[in-house]
């Protein structure tokens, strides 16, 4: 594994002003590509959040912490991960697919634009 400075994407988001559109595009492309690669490998991350994305010195992102991951081919009702990033179907205990990771990615995009975490669990 490459060596990374001890920084996660969450630290970058909270320590800076809201990102510019160019920066959001730059990081967004990396996040989408990384998540696509994970899904193409048949894996559902289940805990995608900025704290699980590392940032190297060149501002390249790497998605990490697959400790809660599941096989994509399995429909699941498992409630796992970080509540602020749960898709509605996880929150409601319904069957879910890889789309839960896409919802979490949307929450991350919201954070990049607003510097605030969107949380459907707050009512």
N, C-alpha and C. Protein backbone atom coordinates (compact mmCIF):
# COMPACT_ATOMS: atom_id res chain seq x y z
N UNK A 1 0.84 -1.18 0.00
CA UNK A 1 0.00 0.00 0.00
C UNK A 1 0.89 1.25 0.00
N UNK A 2 0.44 2.24 -0.71
CA UNK A 2 1.19 3.48 -0.76
C UNK A 2 1.20 4.14 0.62
N UNK A 3 2.18 4.99 0.85
CA UNK A 3 2.25 5.71 2.12
C UNK A 3 1.43 6.99 2.02
N UNK A 4 0.60 7.22 3.02
CA UNK A 4 -0.26 8.40 3.04
C UNK A 4 0.04 9.24 4.26
N UNK A 5 -0.09 10.53 4.09
CA UNK A 5 -0.01 11.40 5.25
C UNK A 5 -1.21 11.06 6.13
N UNK A 6 -1.13 11.29 7.41
CA UNK A 6 -2.24 10.92 8.29
C UNK A 6 -3.40 11.89 8.16
N UNK A 7 -4.07 11.84 7.02
CA UNK A 7 -5.17 12.75 6.77
C UNK A 7 -6.28 12.01 6.05
N UNK A 8 -7.48 12.19 6.53
CA UNK A 8 -8.61 11.64 5.81
C UNK A 8 -9.38 12.77 5.15
N UNK A 9 -10.30 12.43 4.28
CA UNK A 9 -11.05 13.42 3.52
C UNK A 9 -11.91 14.27 4.45
N UNK A 10 -12.37 13.70 5.55
CA UNK A 10 -13.15 14.46 6.52
C UNK A 10 -12.35 15.63 7.06
N UNK A 11 -11.08 15.39 7.40
CA UNK A 11 -10.22 16.47 7.91
C UNK A 11 -10.09 17.59 6.87
N UNK A 12 -9.96 17.21 5.62
CA UNK A 12 -9.86 18.21 4.56
C UNK A 12 -11.15 19.02 4.47
N UNK A 13 -12.30 18.36 4.57
CA UNK A 13 -13.58 19.06 4.46
C UNK A 13 -13.84 20.01 5.61
N UNK A 14 -13.51 19.61 6.83
CA UNK A 14 -13.82 20.47 7.99
C UNK A 14 -12.80 21.58 8.20
N UNK A 15 -11.61 21.43 7.66
CA UNK A 15 -10.57 22.43 7.87
C UNK A 15 -10.47 23.47 6.76
N UNK A 16 -11.36 23.38 5.80
CA UNK A 16 -11.32 24.33 4.69
C UNK A 16 -12.69 24.94 4.50
N UNK A 17 -12.71 26.06 3.80
CA UNK A 17 -13.99 26.67 3.41
C UNK A 17 -14.68 25.71 2.45
N UNK A 18 -15.96 25.91 2.17
CA UNK A 18 -16.58 25.04 1.17
C UNK A 18 -15.71 24.97 -0.08
N UNK A 19 -15.64 23.81 -0.65
CA UNK A 19 -14.78 23.60 -1.81
C UNK A 19 -15.31 24.35 -3.03
N UNK A 20 -14.41 24.70 -3.92
CA UNK A 20 -14.82 25.32 -5.19
C UNK A 20 -15.43 24.25 -6.08
N UNK A 21 -16.13 24.69 -7.10
CA UNK A 21 -16.74 23.74 -8.04
C UNK A 21 -15.64 22.90 -8.71
N UNK A 22 -14.52 23.51 -9.03
CA UNK A 22 -13.41 22.77 -9.65
C UNK A 22 -12.88 21.69 -8.70
N UNK A 23 -12.76 22.02 -7.42
CA UNK A 23 -12.29 21.04 -6.44
C UNK A 23 -13.31 19.92 -6.25
N UNK A 24 -14.59 20.27 -6.22
CA UNK A 24 -15.63 19.26 -6.08
C UNK A 24 -15.60 18.32 -7.28
N UNK A 25 -15.40 18.88 -8.46
CA UNK A 25 -15.30 18.06 -9.67
C UNK A 25 -14.09 17.13 -9.57
N UNK A 26 -12.95 17.69 -9.14
CA UNK A 26 -11.70 16.93 -9.01
C UNK A 26 -11.87 15.76 -8.03
N UNK A 27 -12.37 16.04 -6.83
CA UNK A 27 -12.55 14.99 -5.84
C UNK A 27 -13.72 14.08 -6.20
N UNK A 28 -14.78 14.66 -6.74
CA UNK A 28 -15.96 13.88 -7.09
C UNK A 28 -15.66 12.80 -8.11
N UNK A 29 -14.87 13.14 -9.11
CA UNK A 29 -14.50 12.14 -10.13
C UNK A 29 -13.74 10.98 -9.49
N UNK A 30 -12.87 11.30 -8.57
CA UNK A 30 -12.10 10.24 -7.89
C UNK A 30 -13.01 9.35 -7.05
N UNK A 31 -13.94 9.98 -6.33
CA UNK A 31 -14.86 9.19 -5.49
C UNK A 31 -15.74 8.28 -6.33
N UNK A 32 -16.28 8.83 -7.42
CA UNK A 32 -17.14 8.03 -8.30
C UNK A 32 -16.35 6.89 -8.92
N UNK A 33 -15.13 7.17 -9.37
CA UNK A 33 -14.30 6.11 -9.97
C UNK A 33 -13.96 5.04 -8.94
N UNK A 34 -13.61 5.45 -7.73
CA UNK A 34 -13.28 4.48 -6.68
C UNK A 34 -14.46 3.61 -6.31
N UNK A 35 -15.63 4.23 -6.14
CA UNK A 35 -16.82 3.45 -5.80
C UNK A 35 -17.22 2.54 -6.95
N UNK A 36 -17.10 3.02 -8.18
CA UNK A 36 -17.40 2.17 -9.34
C UNK A 36 -16.49 0.95 -9.36
N UNK A 37 -15.22 1.16 -9.07
CA UNK A 37 -14.26 0.05 -9.04
C UNK A 37 -14.66 -0.97 -7.96
N UNK A 38 -15.03 -0.49 -6.80
CA UNK A 38 -15.45 -1.39 -5.72
C UNK A 38 -16.69 -2.19 -6.14
N UNK A 39 -17.68 -1.50 -6.72
CA UNK A 39 -18.90 -2.19 -7.14
C UNK A 39 -18.64 -3.17 -8.28
N UNK A 40 -17.77 -2.80 -9.22
CA UNK A 40 -17.44 -3.71 -10.32
C UNK A 40 -16.75 -4.98 -9.80
N UNK A 41 -16.09 -4.87 -8.66
CA UNK A 41 -15.44 -6.03 -8.04
C UNK A 41 -16.44 -6.89 -7.26
N UNK A 42 -17.72 -6.48 -7.26
CA UNK A 42 -18.75 -7.27 -6.58
C UNK A 42 -18.83 -7.00 -5.09
N UNK A 43 -18.44 -5.80 -4.67
CA UNK A 43 -18.41 -5.46 -3.25
C UNK A 43 -19.30 -4.25 -2.98
N UNK A 44 -20.06 -4.32 -1.91
CA UNK A 44 -20.84 -3.19 -1.39
C UNK A 44 -20.09 -2.67 -0.17
N UNK A 45 -19.69 -1.41 -0.15
CA UNK A 45 -18.85 -0.86 0.93
C UNK A 45 -19.59 -0.84 2.27
N UNK A 46 -20.78 -0.30 2.32
CA UNK A 46 -21.67 -0.25 3.49
C UNK A 46 -21.26 0.77 4.56
N UNK A 47 -20.16 1.46 4.40
CA UNK A 47 -19.77 2.49 5.37
C UNK A 47 -18.97 3.59 4.70
N UNK A 48 -19.47 4.03 3.54
CA UNK A 48 -18.77 5.08 2.80
C UNK A 48 -19.02 6.42 3.49
N UNK A 49 -17.94 7.08 3.88
CA UNK A 49 -18.00 8.39 4.54
C UNK A 49 -16.61 9.02 4.40
N UNK A 50 -16.51 10.33 4.57
CA UNK A 50 -15.20 10.99 4.38
C UNK A 50 -14.10 10.44 5.27
N UNK A 51 -14.44 9.97 6.46
CA UNK A 51 -13.43 9.42 7.35
C UNK A 51 -12.81 8.14 6.80
N UNK A 52 -13.49 7.50 5.85
CA UNK A 52 -13.00 6.26 5.24
C UNK A 52 -12.39 6.51 3.86
N UNK A 53 -12.02 7.75 3.61
CA UNK A 53 -11.36 8.12 2.37
C UNK A 53 -10.06 8.83 2.75
N UNK A 54 -8.94 8.28 2.33
CA UNK A 54 -7.64 8.89 2.62
C UNK A 54 -7.25 9.86 1.52
N UNK A 55 -6.49 10.88 1.89
CA UNK A 55 -5.99 11.89 0.95
C UNK A 55 -4.47 11.85 1.01
N UNK A 56 -3.83 11.62 -0.14
CA UNK A 56 -2.37 11.61 -0.13
C UNK A 56 -1.82 13.01 -0.39
N UNK A 57 -0.52 13.15 -0.40
CA UNK A 57 0.12 14.46 -0.56
C UNK A 57 -0.21 15.09 -1.91
N UNK A 58 -0.54 14.28 -2.89
CA UNK A 58 -0.91 14.78 -4.22
C UNK A 58 -2.40 15.02 -4.38
N UNK A 59 -3.14 15.00 -3.25
CA UNK A 59 -4.59 15.20 -3.22
C UNK A 59 -5.36 14.10 -3.96
N UNK A 60 -4.78 12.92 -4.02
CA UNK A 60 -5.46 11.78 -4.61
C UNK A 60 -6.20 11.04 -3.49
N UNK A 61 -7.42 10.63 -3.78
CA UNK A 61 -8.26 9.96 -2.78
C UNK A 61 -8.20 8.45 -2.94
N UNK A 62 -8.28 7.76 -1.81
CA UNK A 62 -8.33 6.30 -1.79
C UNK A 62 -9.41 5.88 -0.79
N UNK A 63 -10.37 5.11 -1.25
CA UNK A 63 -11.44 4.62 -0.37
C UNK A 63 -10.89 3.45 0.44
N UNK A 64 -11.08 3.51 1.75
CA UNK A 64 -10.54 2.50 2.65
C UNK A 64 -11.62 1.92 3.55
N UNK A 65 -11.19 1.09 4.49
CA UNK A 65 -12.03 0.50 5.53
C UNK A 65 -13.22 -0.27 4.97
N UNK A 66 -12.91 -1.43 4.46
CA UNK A 66 -13.94 -2.32 3.93
C UNK A 66 -14.38 -3.35 4.97
N UNK A 67 -14.21 -3.01 6.23
CA UNK A 67 -14.53 -3.94 7.32
C UNK A 67 -16.00 -4.32 7.40
N UNK A 68 -16.90 -3.48 6.89
CA UNK A 68 -18.34 -3.78 6.92
C UNK A 68 -18.87 -4.18 5.55
N UNK A 69 -17.98 -4.35 4.60
CA UNK A 69 -18.38 -4.64 3.22
C UNK A 69 -19.12 -5.97 3.10
N UNK A 70 -19.94 -6.03 2.06
CA UNK A 70 -20.70 -7.25 1.74
C UNK A 70 -20.53 -7.55 0.25
N UNK A 71 -20.87 -8.76 -0.12
CA UNK A 71 -20.91 -9.10 -1.54
C UNK A 71 -22.10 -8.40 -2.17
N UNK A 72 -21.88 -7.81 -3.34
CA UNK A 72 -22.94 -7.08 -4.04
C UNK A 72 -24.11 -7.96 -4.44
N UNK A 73 -23.84 -9.21 -4.69
CA UNK A 73 -24.88 -10.11 -5.18
C UNK A 73 -25.92 -10.46 -4.11
N UNK A 74 -25.63 -10.14 -2.86
CA UNK A 74 -26.52 -10.49 -1.75
C UNK A 74 -27.38 -9.29 -1.38
N UNK A 75 -28.71 -9.49 -1.39
CA UNK A 75 -29.59 -8.46 -0.86
C UNK A 75 -29.49 -8.51 0.65
N UNK A 76 -29.50 -7.39 1.29
CA UNK A 76 -29.25 -7.35 2.73
C UNK A 76 -30.26 -6.49 3.45
N UNK A 77 -30.52 -6.83 4.70
CA UNK A 77 -31.32 -5.99 5.59
C UNK A 77 -30.47 -5.50 6.76
N UNK A 78 -29.19 -5.79 6.68
CA UNK A 78 -28.29 -5.46 7.77
C UNK A 78 -28.17 -3.94 7.96
N UNK A 79 -28.21 -3.53 9.20
CA UNK A 79 -28.01 -2.12 9.54
C UNK A 79 -26.59 -1.98 10.03
N UNK A 80 -25.74 -1.43 9.18
CA UNK A 80 -24.33 -1.28 9.52
C UNK A 80 -23.83 0.04 8.94
N UNK A 81 -22.75 0.52 9.48
CA UNK A 81 -22.17 1.75 8.98
C UNK A 81 -22.43 2.90 9.91
N UNK A 82 -22.36 4.10 9.37
CA UNK A 82 -22.49 5.32 10.14
C UNK A 82 -23.85 5.95 9.88
N UNK A 83 -24.67 6.13 10.92
CA UNK A 83 -26.04 6.60 10.72
C UNK A 83 -26.21 7.83 9.84
N UNK A 84 -25.36 8.82 9.93
CA UNK A 84 -25.52 10.02 9.11
C UNK A 84 -25.38 9.78 7.62
N UNK A 85 -24.90 8.61 7.23
CA UNK A 85 -24.68 8.28 5.83
C UNK A 85 -25.58 7.14 5.35
N UNK A 86 -26.48 6.69 6.21
CA UNK A 86 -27.39 5.60 5.84
C UNK A 86 -28.40 6.05 4.80
N UNK A 87 -28.64 5.17 3.84
CA UNK A 87 -29.71 5.38 2.89
C UNK A 87 -31.04 5.11 3.60
N UNK A 88 -32.14 5.67 3.11
CA UNK A 88 -33.43 5.45 3.76
C UNK A 88 -33.79 3.97 3.94
N UNK A 89 -33.44 3.13 2.97
CA UNK A 89 -33.78 1.72 3.09
C UNK A 89 -33.02 1.03 4.23
N UNK A 90 -31.82 1.49 4.52
CA UNK A 90 -31.06 0.95 5.65
C UNK A 90 -31.72 1.40 6.94
N UNK A 91 -32.04 2.68 7.01
CA UNK A 91 -32.67 3.26 8.19
C UNK A 91 -34.00 2.56 8.51
N UNK A 92 -34.73 2.18 7.47
CA UNK A 92 -36.03 1.55 7.64
C UNK A 92 -35.96 0.03 7.75
N UNK A 93 -34.76 -0.54 7.67
CA UNK A 93 -34.60 -1.99 7.79
C UNK A 93 -35.11 -2.77 6.59
N UNK A 94 -35.14 -2.15 5.42
CA UNK A 94 -35.60 -2.81 4.19
C UNK A 94 -34.43 -3.45 3.45
N UNK A 95 -34.76 -4.34 2.52
CA UNK A 95 -33.72 -4.93 1.68
C UNK A 95 -33.02 -3.82 0.91
N UNK A 96 -31.70 -3.95 0.77
CA UNK A 96 -30.97 -2.94 0.03
C UNK A 96 -29.88 -3.56 -0.85
N UNK A 97 -29.43 -2.74 -1.78
CA UNK A 97 -28.43 -3.14 -2.77
C UNK A 97 -27.24 -2.17 -2.69
N UNK A 98 -26.44 -2.19 -3.74
CA UNK A 98 -25.29 -1.28 -3.84
C UNK A 98 -25.70 0.19 -3.84
N UNK A 99 -26.97 0.44 -4.10
CA UNK A 99 -27.45 1.83 -4.15
C UNK A 99 -27.26 2.55 -2.83
N UNK A 100 -27.11 1.80 -1.74
CA UNK A 100 -26.88 2.47 -0.45
C UNK A 100 -25.55 3.22 -0.46
N UNK A 101 -24.56 2.69 -1.18
CA UNK A 101 -23.27 3.37 -1.30
C UNK A 101 -23.42 4.65 -2.13
N UNK A 102 -24.28 4.60 -3.13
CA UNK A 102 -24.50 5.77 -3.98
C UNK A 102 -25.17 6.87 -3.15
N UNK A 103 -26.09 6.50 -2.26
CA UNK A 103 -26.70 7.48 -1.38
C UNK A 103 -25.64 8.12 -0.48
N UNK A 104 -24.78 7.29 0.10
CA UNK A 104 -23.71 7.80 0.95
C UNK A 104 -22.81 8.76 0.17
N UNK A 105 -22.53 8.43 -1.07
CA UNK A 105 -21.74 9.30 -1.93
C UNK A 105 -22.45 10.65 -2.12
N UNK A 106 -23.76 10.63 -2.26
CA UNK A 106 -24.53 11.86 -2.37
C UNK A 106 -24.41 12.73 -1.12
N UNK A 107 -24.40 12.09 0.05
CA UNK A 107 -24.22 12.83 1.30
C UNK A 107 -22.83 13.48 1.31
N UNK A 108 -21.83 12.76 0.83
CA UNK A 108 -20.48 13.32 0.77
C UNK A 108 -20.44 14.52 -0.19
N UNK A 109 -21.12 14.41 -1.33
CA UNK A 109 -21.18 15.53 -2.26
C UNK A 109 -21.85 16.74 -1.60
N UNK A 110 -22.91 16.50 -0.85
CA UNK A 110 -23.57 17.59 -0.13
C UNK A 110 -22.58 18.27 0.82
N UNK A 111 -21.79 17.46 1.52
CA UNK A 111 -20.78 18.02 2.42
C UNK A 111 -19.75 18.86 1.66
N UNK A 112 -19.35 18.39 0.49
CA UNK A 112 -18.36 19.14 -0.28
C UNK A 112 -18.91 20.51 -0.67
N UNK A 113 -20.19 20.58 -1.01
CA UNK A 113 -20.79 21.85 -1.41
C UNK A 113 -21.08 22.76 -0.22
N UNK A 114 -21.54 22.19 0.88
CA UNK A 114 -22.05 23.02 1.97
C UNK A 114 -21.20 23.05 3.23
N UNK A 115 -20.27 22.12 3.34
CA UNK A 115 -19.45 21.95 4.54
C UNK A 115 -20.29 21.47 5.73
N UNK A 116 -21.50 21.01 5.47
CA UNK A 116 -22.37 20.46 6.51
C UNK A 116 -22.75 19.05 6.12
N UNK A 117 -22.87 18.19 7.13
CA UNK A 117 -23.28 16.81 6.85
C UNK A 117 -24.80 16.75 6.80
N UNK A 118 -25.31 16.25 5.71
CA UNK A 118 -26.74 16.03 5.55
C UNK A 118 -27.07 14.75 6.29
N UNK A 119 -28.10 14.78 7.12
CA UNK A 119 -28.44 13.58 7.87
C UNK A 119 -29.93 13.33 7.86
N UNK A 120 -30.33 12.23 7.26
CA UNK A 120 -31.75 11.90 7.26
C UNK A 120 -32.18 11.31 8.60
N UNK A 121 -31.23 11.02 9.46
CA UNK A 121 -31.56 10.43 10.77
C UNK A 121 -31.92 11.50 11.79
N UNK A 122 -31.81 12.78 11.43
CA UNK A 122 -32.14 13.87 12.35
C UNK A 122 -33.60 14.25 12.28
N UNK A 123 -34.46 13.33 11.94
CA UNK A 123 -35.88 13.64 11.88
C UNK A 123 -36.36 13.71 10.47
